[in-house]
């Protein structure tokens, strides 16, 4: 370890001064936010069950397209729930406190190497996945545009496609910035060790 990092590392058992302790402790203000997201996930479970029941109750009445749209709705709810789990678990682990799940049989694989950069990229990818489901649903329903029975306009479909492309470009930008940041950090570490 370098002399700089040794000087910054607090001695075990040493207490912080009041202002640094207040600043460091302020991370716990995020706890109610994560609890709120857990409650929101419970609402999504109820929505999923409601949608599943609706699909089951009308399975013999729905056309193939209606069943496909209902299944896409279920997938959408699951993907949003996965996004919530990533934010809750990854955010808590990164910004509030360690969960100490190492060695636990249910520890998610991605949690072992989560940090703010990895979390941003995973969130961007999840948002792209959710946007893809919405766009697929739009394209399926857009088939009725010419008949005038569709729920979408050509302009609406165009804007949804543009927004999806912006999500993709944003994720690429985040990944590039993250790679450049990691490369510069690695370069600085190599200079310190030589």
Protein backbone atom coordinates (compact mmCIF):
# COMPACT_ATOMS: atom_id res chain seq x y z
CA UNK A 1 0.00 0.00 0.00
CA UNK A 2 1.32 3.50 -0.74
CA UNK A 3 2.16 6.09 1.89
CA UNK A 4 -0.70 8.27 0.65
CA UNK A 5 -3.35 5.59 1.14
CA UNK A 6 -1.80 4.65 4.52
CA UNK A 7 -2.16 8.26 5.69
CA UNK A 8 -5.80 8.40 4.57
CA UNK A 9 -6.83 5.10 6.14
CA UNK A 10 -8.29 5.71 9.61
CA UNK A 11 -6.94 3.56 12.40
CA UNK A 12 -9.35 0.87 13.55
CA UNK A 13 -11.27 1.94 16.61
CA UNK A 14 -10.39 5.62 16.12
CA UNK A 15 -13.46 7.84 16.23
CA UNK A 16 -14.14 10.60 13.76
CA UNK A 17 -14.44 14.26 14.66
CA UNK A 18 -18.06 15.52 14.87
CA UNK A 19 -18.36 17.11 11.40
CA UNK A 20 -16.81 14.19 9.47
CA UNK A 21 -18.91 11.81 11.58
CA UNK A 22 -22.08 13.77 10.65
CA UNK A 23 -21.14 13.82 6.96
CA UNK A 24 -20.26 10.11 6.94
CA UNK A 25 -23.41 9.23 8.89
CA UNK A 26 -25.61 11.16 6.46
CA UNK A 27 -25.48 8.18 4.11
CA UNK A 28 -28.09 6.53 6.37
CA UNK A 29 -30.60 9.14 5.21
CA UNK A 30 -30.87 7.01 2.05
CA UNK A 31 -32.27 4.06 4.03
CA UNK A 32 -35.92 5.28 3.87
CA UNK A 33 -35.48 5.73 0.11
CA UNK A 34 -34.46 2.10 -0.31
CA UNK A 35 -37.32 0.96 1.96
CA UNK A 36 -39.67 2.99 -0.26
CA UNK A 37 -38.32 1.19 -3.32
CA UNK A 38 -38.94 -2.15 -1.59
CA UNK A 39 -42.56 -1.07 -1.03
CA UNK A 40 -42.78 0.00 -4.70
CA UNK A 41 -41.53 -3.46 -5.67
CA UNK A 42 -44.38 -4.94 -3.62
CA UNK A 43 -46.79 -2.82 -5.68
CA UNK A 44 -45.21 -4.26 -8.84
CA UNK A 45 -45.78 -7.79 -7.51
CA UNK A 46 -49.48 -6.94 -7.09
CA UNK A 47 -49.54 -5.48 -10.63
CA UNK A 48 -47.87 -8.62 -12.01
CA UNK A 49 -50.44 -10.87 -10.31
CA UNK A 50 -53.28 -8.68 -11.59
CA UNK A 51 -51.92 -8.82 -15.17
CA UNK A 52 -51.33 -12.58 -14.89
CA UNK A 53 -54.89 -13.12 -13.68
CA UNK A 54 -56.23 -10.95 -16.52
CA UNK A 55 -54.26 -13.06 -19.04
CA UNK A 56 -55.44 -16.31 -17.46
CA UNK A 57 -59.09 -15.20 -17.28
CA UNK A 58 -59.15 -14.19 -20.97
CA UNK A 59 -56.80 -16.84 -22.40
CA UNK A 60 -59.55 -18.33 -24.59
CA UNK A 61 -60.96 -14.94 -25.66
CA UNK A 62 -57.73 -13.17 -26.60
CA UNK A 63 -56.19 -13.23 -30.04
CA UNK A 64 -52.56 -14.28 -30.44
CA UNK A 65 -51.55 -10.61 -30.64
CA UNK A 66 -53.42 -9.77 -27.42
CA UNK A 67 -51.73 -12.68 -25.63
CA UNK A 68 -48.34 -11.55 -26.91
CA UNK A 69 -49.00 -8.00 -25.68
CA UNK A 70 -50.10 -9.31 -22.28
CA UNK A 71 -46.95 -11.44 -21.99
CA UNK A 72 -44.82 -8.43 -22.98
CA UNK A 73 -46.57 -6.52 -20.19
CA UNK A 74 -45.58 -9.27 -17.72
CA UNK A 75 -41.98 -9.21 -18.98
CA UNK A 76 -41.98 -5.42 -18.59
CA UNK A 77 -43.08 -5.70 -14.95
CA UNK A 78 -40.37 -8.32 -14.26
CA UNK A 79 -37.67 -6.17 -15.88
CA UNK A 80 -38.70 -3.12 -13.87
CA UNK A 81 -38.65 -5.28 -10.73
CA UNK A 82 -35.13 -6.45 -11.66
CA UNK A 83 -34.13 -2.81 -12.06
CA UNK A 84 -35.52 -2.08 -8.60
CA UNK A 85 -33.51 -4.97 -7.11
CA UNK A 86 -30.32 -3.66 -8.74
CA UNK A 87 -30.92 -0.16 -7.39
CA UNK A 88 -31.93 -1.34 -3.91
CA UNK A 89 -29.21 -3.95 -3.34
CA UNK A 90 -26.45 -2.31 -5.39
CA UNK A 91 -27.19 1.19 -4.14
CA UNK A 92 -27.37 0.13 -0.50
CA UNK A 93 -24.15 -1.89 -0.81
CA UNK A 94 -22.35 0.93 -2.65
CA UNK A 95 -23.58 4.02 -0.82
CA UNK A 96 -24.92 3.02 2.62
CA UNK A 97 -23.42 -0.10 4.18
CA UNK A 98 -22.04 -3.49 3.28
CA UNK A 99 -24.49 -6.37 3.24
CA UNK A 100 -21.76 -8.94 4.08
CA UNK A 101 -23.20 -11.61 1.81
CA UNK A 102 -19.86 -13.15 0.81
CA UNK A 103 -20.23 -16.91 0.80
CA UNK A 104 -24.03 -16.79 1.17
CA UNK A 105 -25.61 -19.31 -1.25
CA UNK A 106 -28.13 -16.74 -2.52
CA UNK A 107 -25.62 -13.94 -3.16
CA UNK A 108 -26.22 -12.54 -6.66
CA UNK A 109 -23.18 -13.02 -8.91
CA UNK A 110 -23.10 -9.36 -9.96
CA UNK A 111 -22.98 -8.13 -6.35
CA UNK A 112 -19.44 -9.42 -5.80
CA UNK A 113 -18.01 -6.74 -8.08
CA UNK A 114 -20.56 -3.94 -7.76
CA UNK A 115 -19.44 -0.34 -7.51
CA UNK A 116 -20.90 2.96 -8.68
CA UNK A 117 -19.53 2.54 -12.24
CA UNK A 118 -20.78 -1.04 -12.64
CA UNK A 119 -24.15 -0.05 -11.18
CA UNK A 120 -24.52 2.82 -13.69
CA UNK A 121 -23.79 0.53 -16.63
CA UNK A 122 -26.14 -2.21 -15.36
CA UNK A 123 -28.90 0.37 -14.82
CA UNK A 124 -28.39 1.77 -18.32
CA UNK A 125 -28.63 -1.73 -19.79
CA UNK A 126 -31.78 -2.46 -17.77
CA UNK A 127 -33.38 0.78 -18.98
CA UNK A 128 -32.53 -0.17 -22.58
CA UNK A 129 -34.14 -3.58 -22.01
CA UNK A 130 -37.31 -2.00 -20.62
CA UNK A 131 -37.38 0.51 -23.47
CA UNK A 132 -36.98 -2.38 -25.95
CA UNK A 133 -40.04 -4.13 -24.51
CA UNK A 134 -42.08 -0.92 -24.79
CA UNK A 135 -40.85 -0.37 -28.34
CA UNK A 136 -41.69 -3.95 -29.33
CA UNK A 137 -45.18 -3.51 -27.89
CA UNK A 138 -45.53 -0.26 -29.83
CA UNK A 139 -44.43 -1.90 -33.09
CA UNK A 140 -46.91 -4.74 -32.59
CA UNK A 141 -49.75 -2.30 -31.94
CA UNK A 142 -48.56 0.06 -34.70
CA UNK A 143 -49.76 -2.44 -37.28
CA UNK A 144 -53.19 -0.89 -36.81
CA UNK A 145 -51.94 2.62 -37.71
CA UNK A 146 -53.21 2.47 -41.28
CA UNK A 147 -56.68 1.41 -40.16
CA UNK A 148 -56.95 4.32 -37.73
CA UNK A 149 -57.66 1.92 -34.84
CA UNK A 150 -54.19 2.07 -33.29
CA UNK A 151 -53.27 3.72 -30.01
CA UNK A 152 -50.18 5.34 -31.56
CA UNK A 153 -49.48 7.98 -34.17
CA UNK A 154 -46.61 7.81 -36.63
CA UNK A 155 -45.02 10.74 -34.80
CA UNK A 156 -45.37 8.96 -31.46
CA UNK A 157 -43.72 5.81 -32.82
CA UNK A 158 -40.92 7.91 -34.33
CA UNK A 159 -40.26 9.71 -31.03
CA UNK A 160 -40.32 6.49 -29.05
CA UNK A 161 -37.72 5.05 -31.45
CA UNK A 162 -35.57 8.18 -31.17
CA UNK A 163 -35.73 8.08 -27.36
CA UNK A 164 -34.74 4.40 -27.40
CA UNK A 165 -31.74 5.24 -29.61
CA UNK A 166 -30.78 8.04 -27.19
CA UNK A 167 -30.86 5.49 -24.33
CA UNK A 168 -28.51 3.25 -26.32
CA UNK A 169 -26.13 6.13 -27.11
CA UNK A 170 -26.19 7.21 -23.45
CA UNK A 171 -25.27 3.69 -22.32
CA UNK A 172 -22.41 3.60 -24.83
CA UNK A 173 -21.25 7.00 -23.56
CA UNK A 174 -21.36 5.83 -19.93
CA UNK A 175 -19.38 2.70 -20.83
CA UNK A 176 -16.73 4.73 -22.70
CA UNK A 177 -16.33 7.25 -19.86
CA UNK A 178 -16.12 4.38 -17.36
CA UNK A 179 -13.44 2.64 -19.45
CA UNK A 180 -11.42 5.86 -19.77
CA UNK A 181 -11.73 6.48 -16.01
CA UNK A 182 -10.62 2.93 -15.17
CA UNK A 183 -7.69 3.17 -17.60
CA UNK A 184 -6.51 6.45 -16.02
CA UNK A 185 -6.84 5.00 -12.50
CA UNK A 186 -4.86 1.90 -13.51
CA UNK A 187 -2.20 4.13 -15.09
CA UNK A 188 -1.92 6.18 -11.90
CA UNK A 189 -1.63 3.02 -9.77
CA UNK A 190 1.16 1.70 -12.01
CA UNK A 191 3.06 5.02 -11.72
CA UNK A 192 2.83 4.91 -7.91
CA UNK A 193 4.14 1.32 -7.74
CA UNK A 194 7.17 2.09 -9.96
